[in-house]
């Protein structure tokens, strides 16, 4: 949505590929911002959407693809800004940082930035019920046990942004627990 907003403000064409299972609200918001949507089969997940984006990129020589799941600028901006803001706002009194994961950029970058200040900070990953990352960090197996309605979270794969990040505390959070926090 932020990318669609930036492209709209600059008058740039934006084509977004996403699974057809994305919410109507998200799709409407993106369309209102002028983005053209390429929907891919839901069962292919984000991997299918990324593959479709690569097909379009290969056919259009003047196009670019930001690669949010592996672009080093994603975690780097969080290392330089989000971690600094948290450190300043808490006056350095941070024992742990816990974050949900979509692209992995916020968790990885913020964790790295905070650990530059204090190597003892514990890093937690909050993943929805049934999502694979919780299972991976808890049991060493990247396996999903069901779906969540928490859209954009629980991708079920280790993104390049997350590779090598030490997770101290994986948490499993149900939609029932998470959604009241979002909507209250």
N, C-alpha and C. Protein backbone atom coordinates (compact mmCIF):
# COMPACT_ATOMS: atom_id res chain seq x y z
N UNK A 1 0.84 -1.19 0.00
CA UNK A 1 0.00 0.00 0.00
C UNK A 1 0.88 1.24 0.00
N UNK A 2 1.97 1.21 0.76
CA UNK A 2 2.89 2.35 0.77
C UNK A 2 3.50 2.57 -0.61
N UNK A 3 3.85 1.50 -1.30
CA UNK A 3 4.40 1.62 -2.64
C UNK A 3 3.36 2.21 -3.59
N UNK A 4 2.11 1.76 -3.47
CA UNK A 4 1.04 2.31 -4.32
C UNK A 4 0.84 3.80 -4.04
N UNK A 5 0.92 4.18 -2.79
CA UNK A 5 0.78 5.58 -2.41
C UNK A 5 1.91 6.42 -3.01
N UNK A 6 3.14 5.91 -2.89
CA UNK A 6 4.31 6.64 -3.43
C UNK A 6 4.21 6.76 -4.96
N UNK A 7 3.81 5.69 -5.63
CA UNK A 7 3.68 5.74 -7.09
C UNK A 7 2.57 6.70 -7.51
N UNK A 8 1.47 6.70 -6.77
CA UNK A 8 0.37 7.62 -7.08
C UNK A 8 0.83 9.06 -6.92
N UNK A 9 1.57 9.34 -5.86
CA UNK A 9 2.05 10.71 -5.61
C UNK A 9 3.01 11.17 -6.70
N UNK A 10 3.74 10.24 -7.30
CA UNK A 10 4.73 10.59 -8.32
C UNK A 10 4.22 10.36 -9.74
N UNK A 11 2.97 9.89 -9.87
CA UNK A 11 2.40 9.66 -11.19
C UNK A 11 3.02 8.49 -11.93
N UNK A 12 3.49 7.49 -11.20
CA UNK A 12 4.12 6.32 -11.80
C UNK A 12 3.13 5.17 -11.92
N UNK A 13 3.24 4.41 -13.00
CA UNK A 13 2.42 3.22 -13.17
C UNK A 13 2.92 2.13 -12.23
N UNK A 14 1.98 1.42 -11.61
CA UNK A 14 2.34 0.34 -10.70
C UNK A 14 1.47 -0.87 -10.99
N UNK A 15 2.12 -1.99 -11.22
CA UNK A 15 1.43 -3.27 -11.39
C UNK A 15 1.86 -4.15 -10.22
N UNK A 16 0.89 -4.63 -9.46
CA UNK A 16 1.17 -5.47 -8.30
C UNK A 16 0.62 -6.87 -8.53
N UNK A 17 1.43 -7.85 -8.23
CA UNK A 17 1.00 -9.24 -8.33
C UNK A 17 0.78 -9.76 -6.92
N UNK A 18 -0.36 -10.39 -6.73
CA UNK A 18 -0.70 -10.91 -5.40
C UNK A 18 -1.67 -12.07 -5.54
N UNK A 19 -1.67 -12.96 -4.54
CA UNK A 19 -2.63 -14.06 -4.58
C UNK A 19 -4.07 -13.55 -4.55
N UNK A 20 -4.94 -14.23 -5.25
CA UNK A 20 -6.35 -13.84 -5.30
C UNK A 20 -7.04 -13.94 -3.95
N UNK A 21 -6.38 -14.55 -2.98
CA UNK A 21 -6.94 -14.68 -1.64
C UNK A 21 -6.77 -13.40 -0.81
N UNK A 22 -6.03 -12.42 -1.31
CA UNK A 22 -5.89 -11.16 -0.58
C UNK A 22 -7.26 -10.51 -0.42
N UNK A 23 -7.44 -9.82 0.68
CA UNK A 23 -8.76 -9.27 1.00
C UNK A 23 -9.25 -8.27 -0.04
N UNK A 24 -10.56 -8.19 -0.17
CA UNK A 24 -11.16 -7.20 -1.06
C UNK A 24 -10.79 -5.79 -0.63
N UNK A 25 -10.71 -5.57 0.67
CA UNK A 25 -10.36 -4.24 1.18
C UNK A 25 -8.97 -3.83 0.71
N UNK A 26 -8.02 -4.74 0.80
CA UNK A 26 -6.66 -4.45 0.34
C UNK A 26 -6.66 -4.17 -1.16
N UNK A 27 -7.34 -5.01 -1.90
CA UNK A 27 -7.38 -4.84 -3.36
C UNK A 27 -8.05 -3.53 -3.74
N UNK A 28 -9.13 -3.17 -3.06
CA UNK A 28 -9.81 -1.90 -3.35
C UNK A 28 -8.91 -0.71 -3.04
N UNK A 29 -8.23 -0.75 -1.91
CA UNK A 29 -7.34 0.34 -1.53
C UNK A 29 -6.25 0.52 -2.58
N UNK A 30 -5.65 -0.58 -3.01
CA UNK A 30 -4.60 -0.50 -4.02
C UNK A 30 -5.13 0.05 -5.34
N UNK A 31 -6.32 -0.40 -5.73
CA UNK A 31 -6.93 0.09 -6.96
C UNK A 31 -7.25 1.57 -6.86
N UNK A 32 -7.77 2.01 -5.71
CA UNK A 32 -8.06 3.44 -5.52
C UNK A 32 -6.80 4.30 -5.62
N UNK A 33 -5.68 3.72 -5.27
CA UNK A 33 -4.41 4.44 -5.38
C UNK A 33 -3.82 4.35 -6.79
N UNK A 34 -4.54 3.67 -7.70
CA UNK A 34 -4.13 3.63 -9.09
C UNK A 34 -3.33 2.40 -9.50
N UNK A 35 -3.10 1.48 -8.59
CA UNK A 35 -2.34 0.28 -8.93
C UNK A 35 -3.18 -0.65 -9.79
N UNK A 36 -2.52 -1.29 -10.74
CA UNK A 36 -3.16 -2.35 -11.53
C UNK A 36 -2.81 -3.66 -10.85
N UNK A 37 -3.80 -4.52 -10.67
CA UNK A 37 -3.58 -5.77 -9.93
C UNK A 37 -3.55 -6.96 -10.87
N UNK A 38 -2.58 -7.82 -10.66
CA UNK A 38 -2.47 -9.12 -11.33
C UNK A 38 -2.67 -10.16 -10.24
N UNK A 39 -3.82 -10.81 -10.25
CA UNK A 39 -4.12 -11.80 -9.22
C UNK A 39 -3.68 -13.18 -9.68
N UNK A 40 -3.05 -13.91 -8.78
CA UNK A 40 -2.56 -15.25 -9.07
C UNK A 40 -3.34 -16.25 -8.23
N UNK A 41 -3.34 -17.52 -8.60
CA UNK A 41 -4.10 -18.52 -7.84
C UNK A 41 -3.69 -18.56 -6.37
N UNK A 42 -4.68 -18.58 -5.51
CA UNK A 42 -4.45 -18.56 -4.06
C UNK A 42 -3.55 -19.71 -3.60
N UNK A 43 -3.74 -20.89 -4.18
CA UNK A 43 -2.97 -22.05 -3.74
C UNK A 43 -1.47 -21.93 -4.04
N UNK A 44 -1.09 -21.00 -4.91
CA UNK A 44 0.33 -20.78 -5.21
C UNK A 44 0.98 -19.81 -4.22
N UNK A 45 0.16 -19.14 -3.40
CA UNK A 45 0.68 -18.23 -2.39
C UNK A 45 1.54 -17.12 -2.97
N UNK A 46 2.42 -16.58 -2.13
CA UNK A 46 3.29 -15.48 -2.57
C UNK A 46 4.31 -15.95 -3.59
N UNK A 47 4.69 -17.22 -3.55
CA UNK A 47 5.64 -17.72 -4.54
C UNK A 47 5.06 -17.59 -5.95
N UNK A 48 3.77 -17.86 -6.09
CA UNK A 48 3.11 -17.72 -7.39
C UNK A 48 3.04 -16.27 -7.83
N UNK A 49 2.76 -15.39 -6.89
CA UNK A 49 2.69 -13.96 -7.21
C UNK A 49 4.06 -13.43 -7.63
N UNK A 50 5.10 -13.86 -6.93
CA UNK A 50 6.45 -13.42 -7.28
C UNK A 50 6.86 -13.96 -8.65
N UNK A 51 6.49 -15.20 -8.93
CA UNK A 51 6.80 -15.79 -10.24
C UNK A 51 6.10 -15.01 -11.35
N UNK A 52 4.85 -14.62 -11.13
CA UNK A 52 4.11 -13.84 -12.13
C UNK A 52 4.76 -12.46 -12.31
N UNK A 53 5.18 -11.85 -11.22
CA UNK A 53 5.86 -10.56 -11.32
C UNK A 53 7.14 -10.68 -12.13
N UNK A 54 7.87 -11.77 -11.94
CA UNK A 54 9.10 -11.98 -12.69
C UNK A 54 8.81 -12.16 -14.18
N UNK A 55 7.71 -12.86 -14.50
CA UNK A 55 7.31 -13.01 -15.91
C UNK A 55 7.05 -11.64 -16.55
N UNK A 56 6.32 -10.80 -15.84
CA UNK A 56 6.01 -9.46 -16.35
C UNK A 56 7.28 -8.63 -16.48
N UNK A 57 8.16 -8.73 -15.51
CA UNK A 57 9.42 -8.00 -15.55
C UNK A 57 10.26 -8.42 -16.76
N UNK A 58 10.31 -9.71 -17.02
CA UNK A 58 11.08 -10.23 -18.15
C UNK A 58 10.56 -9.72 -19.49
N UNK A 59 9.27 -9.41 -19.57
CA UNK A 59 8.65 -8.94 -20.82
C UNK A 59 8.66 -7.42 -20.98
N UNK A 60 9.02 -6.71 -19.93
CA UNK A 60 8.96 -5.25 -19.96
C UNK A 60 10.30 -4.66 -19.51
N UNK A 61 11.11 -4.28 -20.49
CA UNK A 61 12.50 -3.90 -20.19
C UNK A 61 12.64 -2.64 -19.33
N UNK A 62 11.65 -1.78 -19.28
CA UNK A 62 11.75 -0.56 -18.47
C UNK A 62 11.13 -0.70 -17.09
N UNK A 63 10.72 -1.90 -16.73
CA UNK A 63 10.11 -2.12 -15.43
C UNK A 63 11.17 -2.50 -14.39
N UNK A 64 10.84 -2.26 -13.13
CA UNK A 64 11.69 -2.69 -12.02
C UNK A 64 10.82 -3.43 -11.00
N UNK A 65 11.45 -4.28 -10.23
CA UNK A 65 10.73 -5.01 -9.18
C UNK A 65 11.49 -4.81 -7.87
N UNK A 66 10.86 -4.19 -6.87
CA UNK A 66 11.56 -3.88 -5.62
C UNK A 66 12.03 -5.09 -4.81
N UNK A 67 11.44 -6.26 -5.01
CA UNK A 67 11.84 -7.47 -4.29
C UNK A 67 11.82 -7.27 -2.77
N UNK A 68 10.65 -6.94 -2.23
CA UNK A 68 10.53 -6.63 -0.81
C UNK A 68 10.99 -7.74 0.13
N UNK A 69 10.97 -8.98 -0.32
CA UNK A 69 11.36 -10.10 0.53
C UNK A 69 12.87 -10.29 0.60
N UNK A 70 13.61 -9.67 -0.33
CA UNK A 70 15.06 -9.88 -0.35
C UNK A 70 15.85 -8.61 -0.62
N UNK A 71 15.21 -7.48 -0.67
CA UNK A 71 15.89 -6.21 -0.91
C UNK A 71 16.60 -5.78 0.37
N UNK A 72 17.92 -5.66 0.37
CA UNK A 72 18.64 -5.30 1.60
C UNK A 72 18.27 -3.92 2.14
N UNK A 73 17.68 -3.07 1.31
CA UNK A 73 17.25 -1.76 1.80
C UNK A 73 16.11 -1.89 2.81
N UNK A 74 15.33 -2.97 2.71
CA UNK A 74 14.20 -3.18 3.62
C UNK A 74 14.69 -3.31 5.07
N UNK A 75 15.51 -4.31 5.42
CA UNK A 75 15.97 -4.36 6.81
C UNK A 75 16.89 -3.19 7.18
N UNK A 76 17.65 -2.69 6.21
CA UNK A 76 18.59 -1.62 6.52
C UNK A 76 17.89 -0.36 7.03
N UNK A 77 16.77 0.00 6.44
CA UNK A 77 16.07 1.21 6.90
C UNK A 77 15.53 1.01 8.32
N UNK A 78 15.13 -0.21 8.65
CA UNK A 78 14.66 -0.48 10.02
C UNK A 78 15.82 -0.51 11.01
N UNK A 79 16.99 -0.97 10.56
CA UNK A 79 18.17 -0.94 11.42
C UNK A 79 18.52 0.51 11.77
N UNK A 80 18.45 1.37 10.77
CA UNK A 80 18.85 2.77 10.97
C UNK A 80 17.77 3.64 11.61
N UNK A 81 16.50 3.30 11.44
CA UNK A 81 15.44 4.20 11.94
C UNK A 81 14.58 3.57 13.03
N UNK A 82 13.97 2.44 12.77
CA UNK A 82 13.06 1.82 13.74
C UNK A 82 13.81 1.46 15.02
N UNK A 83 14.96 0.82 14.87
CA UNK A 83 15.75 0.44 16.05
C UNK A 83 16.17 1.69 16.83
N UNK A 84 16.59 2.72 16.13
CA UNK A 84 17.01 3.97 16.79
C UNK A 84 15.85 4.61 17.54
N UNK A 85 14.69 4.62 16.91
CA UNK A 85 13.51 5.22 17.57
C UNK A 85 13.13 4.45 18.82
N UNK A 86 13.12 3.13 18.74
CA UNK A 86 12.79 2.31 19.91
C UNK A 86 13.81 2.56 21.02
N UNK A 87 15.08 2.59 20.65
CA UNK A 87 16.15 2.80 21.64
C UNK A 87 15.98 4.15 22.33
N UNK A 88 15.72 5.19 21.54
CA UNK A 88 15.55 6.53 22.10
C UNK A 88 14.29 6.63 22.96
N UNK A 89 13.18 6.11 22.45
CA UNK A 89 11.90 6.20 23.17
C UNK A 89 11.93 5.46 24.50
N UNK A 90 12.72 4.39 24.57
CA UNK A 90 12.80 3.62 25.82
C UNK A 90 14.02 4.01 26.65
N UNK A 91 14.74 5.00 26.20
CA UNK A 91 15.98 5.44 26.87
C UNK A 91 16.93 4.27 27.11
N UNK A 92 16.98 3.39 26.10
CA UNK A 92 17.90 2.26 26.16
C UNK A 92 17.46 1.13 27.08
N UNK A 93 16.26 1.19 27.59
CA UNK A 93 15.75 0.16 28.51
C UNK A 93 14.97 -0.90 27.73
N UNK A 94 15.64 -1.57 26.82
CA UNK A 94 15.01 -2.59 25.98
C UNK A 94 15.61 -3.94 26.34
N UNK A 95 14.76 -4.86 26.75
CA UNK A 95 15.20 -6.22 27.05
C UNK A 95 14.89 -7.18 25.91
N UNK A 96 13.81 -6.87 25.18
CA UNK A 96 13.36 -7.76 24.11
C UNK A 96 12.60 -6.98 23.06
N UNK A 97 12.63 -7.51 21.85
CA UNK A 97 11.85 -6.96 20.74
C UNK A 97 11.12 -8.13 20.09
N UNK A 98 9.80 -8.01 19.96
CA UNK A 98 8.98 -9.07 19.37
C UNK A 98 8.21 -8.47 18.22
N UNK A 99 8.18 -9.18 17.10
CA UNK A 99 7.56 -8.66 15.89
C UNK A 99 6.99 -9.81 15.08
N UNK A 100 5.89 -9.56 14.40
CA UNK A 100 5.36 -10.51 13.42
C UNK A 100 6.21 -10.37 12.14
N UNK A 101 6.11 -11.34 11.26
CA UNK A 101 6.94 -11.34 10.06
C UNK A 101 6.11 -11.46 8.80
N UNK A 102 6.33 -10.52 7.90
CA UNK A 102 5.81 -10.60 6.54
C UNK A 102 7.01 -10.80 5.63
N UNK A 103 7.67 -9.70 5.28
CA UNK A 103 8.88 -9.78 4.46
C UNK A 103 10.11 -10.11 5.29
N UNK A 104 10.04 -9.88 6.59
CA UNK A 104 11.17 -10.11 7.48
C UNK A 104 12.03 -8.88 7.69
N UNK A 105 11.78 -7.82 6.93
CA UNK A 105 12.60 -6.62 7.00
C UNK A 105 12.53 -5.89 8.33
N UNK A 106 11.33 -5.74 8.87
CA UNK A 106 11.18 -5.01 10.13
C UNK A 106 11.86 -5.77 11.27
N UNK A 107 11.58 -7.07 11.37
CA UNK A 107 12.17 -7.86 12.45
C UNK A 107 13.69 -7.92 12.32
N UNK A 108 14.19 -8.25 11.14
CA UNK A 108 15.63 -8.40 10.96
C UNK A 108 16.37 -7.08 11.18
N UNK A 109 15.91 -6.03 10.55
CA UNK A 109 16.60 -4.74 10.67
C UNK A 109 16.56 -4.17 12.06
N UNK A 110 15.38 -4.24 12.70
CA UNK A 110 15.25 -3.71 14.05
C UNK A 110 16.08 -4.54 15.02
N UNK A 111 16.05 -5.85 14.86
CA UNK A 111 16.85 -6.73 15.72
C UNK A 111 18.34 -6.41 15.59
N UNK A 112 18.82 -6.26 14.38
CA UNK A 112 20.24 -5.96 14.17
C UNK A 112 20.60 -4.61 14.78
N UNK A 113 19.75 -3.61 14.58
CA UNK A 113 20.01 -2.29 15.13
C UNK A 113 20.02 -2.28 16.65
N UNK A 114 19.08 -2.99 17.25
CA UNK A 114 19.03 -3.04 18.72
C UNK A 114 20.20 -3.83 19.28
N UNK A 115 20.58 -4.90 18.58
CA UNK A 115 21.72 -5.70 19.06
C UNK A 115 23.05 -4.95 18.91
N UNK A 116 23.09 -3.96 18.03
CA UNK A 116 24.29 -3.11 17.96
C UNK A 116 24.44 -2.31 19.26
N UNK A 117 23.30 -2.01 19.88
CA UNK A 117 23.30 -1.24 21.14
C UNK A 117 23.50 -2.14 22.36
N UNK A 118 22.92 -3.35 22.28
CA UNK A 118 22.97 -4.27 23.42
C UNK A 118 22.83 -5.70 22.89
N UNK A 119 23.92 -6.44 22.90
CA UNK A 119 23.90 -7.80 22.35
C UNK A 119 23.06 -8.78 23.14
N UNK A 120 22.64 -8.41 24.34
CA UNK A 120 21.84 -9.31 25.17
C UNK A 120 20.34 -9.21 24.91
N UNK A 121 19.93 -8.29 24.05
CA UNK A 121 18.50 -8.13 23.74
C UNK A 121 17.97 -9.43 23.13
N UNK A 122 16.84 -9.89 23.63
CA UNK A 122 16.19 -11.09 23.11
C UNK A 122 15.28 -10.68 21.95
N UNK A 123 15.27 -11.50 20.92
CA UNK A 123 14.46 -11.23 19.73
C UNK A 123 13.38 -12.30 19.63
N UNK A 124 12.15 -11.84 19.51
CA UNK A 124 11.01 -12.74 19.41
C UNK A 124 10.29 -12.61 18.08
N UNK A 125 9.77 -13.72 17.62
CA UNK A 125 8.97 -13.76 16.40
C UNK A 125 7.56 -14.20 16.80
N UNK A 126 6.57 -13.39 16.46
CA UNK A 126 5.18 -13.75 16.72
C UNK A 126 4.57 -14.19 15.39
N UNK A 127 4.16 -15.44 15.33
CA UNK A 127 3.61 -16.00 14.10
C UNK A 127 2.20 -16.53 14.36
N UNK A 128 1.30 -16.37 13.39
CA UNK A 128 -0.08 -16.82 13.58
C UNK A 128 -0.20 -18.34 13.69
N UNK A 129 -1.29 -18.76 14.33
CA UNK A 129 -1.60 -20.19 14.40
C UNK A 129 -1.42 -20.85 13.05
N UNK A 130 -0.76 -21.97 13.04
CA UNK A 130 -0.62 -22.75 11.83
C UNK A 130 0.48 -22.30 10.90
N UNK A 131 1.12 -21.16 11.18
CA UNK A 131 2.14 -20.65 10.28
C UNK A 131 3.46 -21.40 10.49
N UNK A 132 4.24 -21.46 9.42
CA UNK A 132 5.42 -22.31 9.41
C UNK A 132 6.63 -21.75 10.15
N UNK A 133 6.79 -20.44 10.24
CA UNK A 133 7.99 -19.90 10.87
C UNK A 133 8.06 -20.23 12.35
N UNK A 134 6.93 -20.14 13.05
CA UNK A 134 6.92 -20.53 14.46
C UNK A 134 7.43 -21.96 14.61
N UNK A 135 6.90 -22.84 13.82
CA UNK A 135 7.30 -24.25 13.87
C UNK A 135 8.79 -24.40 13.55
N UNK A 136 9.28 -23.63 12.59
CA UNK A 136 10.69 -23.71 12.21
C UNK A 136 11.60 -23.30 13.37
N UNK A 137 11.31 -22.14 13.97
CA UNK A 137 12.17 -21.66 15.05
C UNK A 137 12.00 -22.45 16.34
N UNK A 138 10.86 -23.09 16.50
CA UNK A 138 10.61 -23.90 17.70
C UNK A 138 11.13 -25.33 17.53
N UNK A 139 10.87 -25.93 16.36
CA UNK A 139 11.15 -27.35 16.16
C UNK A 139 12.11 -27.66 15.02
N UNK A 140 12.56 -26.63 14.30
CA UNK A 140 13.50 -26.85 13.21
C UNK A 140 12.89 -27.34 11.91
N UNK A 141 11.57 -27.30 11.83
CA UNK A 141 10.88 -27.82 10.65
C UNK A 141 10.01 -26.72 10.05
N UNK A 142 10.27 -26.35 8.80
CA UNK A 142 9.50 -25.30 8.12
C UNK A 142 8.24 -25.93 7.53
N UNK A 143 7.24 -26.09 8.41
CA UNK A 143 6.02 -26.79 8.02
C UNK A 143 4.81 -26.07 8.59
N UNK A 144 3.84 -25.80 7.74
CA UNK A 144 2.62 -25.15 8.16
C UNK A 144 1.61 -26.19 8.62
N UNK A 145 0.84 -25.84 9.65
CA UNK A 145 -0.18 -26.78 10.13
C UNK A 145 -1.58 -26.21 9.96
N UNK A 146 -1.73 -25.24 9.09
CA UNK A 146 -3.06 -24.68 8.86
C UNK A 146 -2.96 -23.21 8.53
N UNK A 147 -4.07 -22.61 8.20
CA UNK A 147 -4.08 -21.22 7.77
C UNK A 147 -4.50 -20.26 8.84
N UNK A 148 -4.13 -19.04 8.64
CA UNK A 148 -4.51 -17.93 9.51
C UNK A 148 -5.20 -16.89 8.67
N UNK A 149 -6.01 -16.08 9.29
CA UNK A 149 -6.64 -14.99 8.54
C UNK A 149 -5.85 -13.70 8.67
N UNK A 150 -4.69 -13.76 9.30
CA UNK A 150 -3.85 -12.58 9.47
C UNK A 150 -3.10 -12.34 8.18
N UNK A 151 -3.68 -11.55 7.30
CA UNK A 151 -3.15 -11.35 5.96
C UNK A 151 -1.81 -10.64 5.97
N UNK A 152 -0.88 -11.15 5.15
CA UNK A 152 0.44 -10.54 5.02
C UNK A 152 1.44 -11.04 6.03
N UNK A 153 1.00 -11.85 6.96
CA UNK A 153 1.87 -12.40 8.00
C UNK A 153 1.80 -13.92 7.87
N UNK A 154 2.85 -14.60 8.26
CA UNK A 154 2.83 -16.06 8.20
C UNK A 154 3.07 -16.57 6.79
N UNK A 155 4.09 -16.04 6.11
CA UNK A 155 4.37 -16.40 4.72
C UNK A 155 4.81 -17.85 4.55
N UNK A 156 5.34 -18.44 5.60
CA UNK A 156 5.71 -19.85 5.52
C UNK A 156 7.03 -20.10 4.82
N UNK A 157 7.93 -19.13 4.86
CA UNK A 157 9.24 -19.34 4.27
C UNK A 157 10.25 -18.40 4.91
N UNK A 158 11.50 -18.80 4.85
CA UNK A 158 12.58 -17.96 5.35
C UNK A 158 12.97 -17.03 4.20
N UNK A 159 12.66 -15.76 4.33
CA UNK A 159 13.03 -14.81 3.29
C UNK A 159 14.51 -14.47 3.41
N UNK A 160 15.08 -13.91 2.37
CA UNK A 160 16.49 -13.49 2.43
C UNK A 160 16.68 -12.48 3.55
N UNK A 161 15.63 -11.65 3.81
CA UNK A 161 15.74 -10.68 4.90
C UNK A 161 15.94 -11.35 6.25
N UNK A 162 15.42 -12.55 6.41
CA UNK A 162 15.50 -13.26 7.70
C UNK A 162 16.69 -14.20 7.82
N UNK A 163 17.28 -14.56 6.70
CA UNK A 163 18.37 -15.55 6.73
C UNK A 163 19.45 -15.14 7.72
N UNK A 164 19.81 -16.07 8.59
CA UNK A 164 20.89 -15.86 9.54
C UNK A 164 20.51 -15.11 10.80
N UNK A 165 19.28 -14.63 10.90
CA UNK A 165 18.86 -13.90 12.10
C UNK A 165 18.61 -14.89 13.24
N UNK A 166 19.18 -14.62 14.39
CA UNK A 166 18.98 -15.48 15.55
C UNK A 166 17.68 -15.07 16.25
N UNK A 167 16.71 -15.98 16.27
CA UNK A 167 15.44 -15.76 16.96
C UNK A 167 15.52 -16.48 18.30
N UNK A 168 15.39 -15.72 19.38
CA UNK A 168 15.47 -16.31 20.72
C UNK A 168 14.14 -16.89 21.19
N UNK A 169 13.04 -16.23 20.79
CA UNK A 169 11.73 -16.59 21.33
C UNK A 169 10.67 -16.61 20.23
N UNK A 170 10.32 -17.78 19.70
CA UNK A 170 9.20 -17.84 18.77
C UNK A 170 7.88 -17.94 19.54
N UNK A 171 6.90 -17.17 19.12
CA UNK A 171 5.58 -17.19 19.75
C UNK A 171 4.54 -17.57 18.71
N UNK A 172 3.57 -18.34 19.14
CA UNK A 172 2.43 -18.71 18.31
C UNK A 172 1.24 -17.90 18.80
N UNK A 173 0.63 -17.13 17.93
CA UNK A 173 -0.47 -16.25 18.32
C UNK A 173 -1.70 -16.59 17.49
N UNK A 174 -2.81 -16.84 18.17
CA UNK A 174 -4.05 -17.17 17.45
C UNK A 174 -4.69 -15.89 16.91
N UNK A 175 -5.49 -16.03 15.85
CA UNK A 175 -6.24 -14.89 15.32
C UNK A 175 -7.14 -14.31 16.41
N UNK A 176 -7.70 -15.18 17.24
CA UNK A 176 -8.59 -14.73 18.32
C UNK A 176 -7.85 -13.81 19.28
N UNK A 177 -6.58 -14.13 19.56
CA UNK A 177 -5.77 -13.29 20.45
C UNK A 177 -5.32 -12.01 19.75
N UNK A 178 -4.95 -12.12 18.47
CA UNK A 178 -4.35 -10.99 17.75
C UNK A 178 -5.38 -9.95 17.29
N UNK A 179 -6.49 -10.39 16.79
CA UNK A 179 -7.44 -9.46 16.16
C UNK A 179 -8.04 -8.44 17.12
N UNK A 180 -8.36 -8.77 18.38
CA UNK A 180 -8.85 -7.72 19.27
C UNK A 180 -7.82 -6.60 19.48
N UNK A 181 -6.55 -6.94 19.45
CA UNK A 181 -5.49 -5.92 19.59
C UNK A 181 -5.53 -4.97 18.41
N UNK A 182 -5.74 -5.53 17.21
CA UNK A 182 -5.76 -4.73 15.99
C UNK A 182 -7.00 -3.85 15.93
N UNK A 183 -8.14 -4.36 16.36
CA UNK A 183 -9.40 -3.65 16.17
C UNK A 183 -9.89 -2.87 17.38
N UNK A 184 -9.15 -2.82 18.46
CA UNK A 184 -9.54 -2.04 19.64
C UNK A 184 -8.76 -0.76 19.74
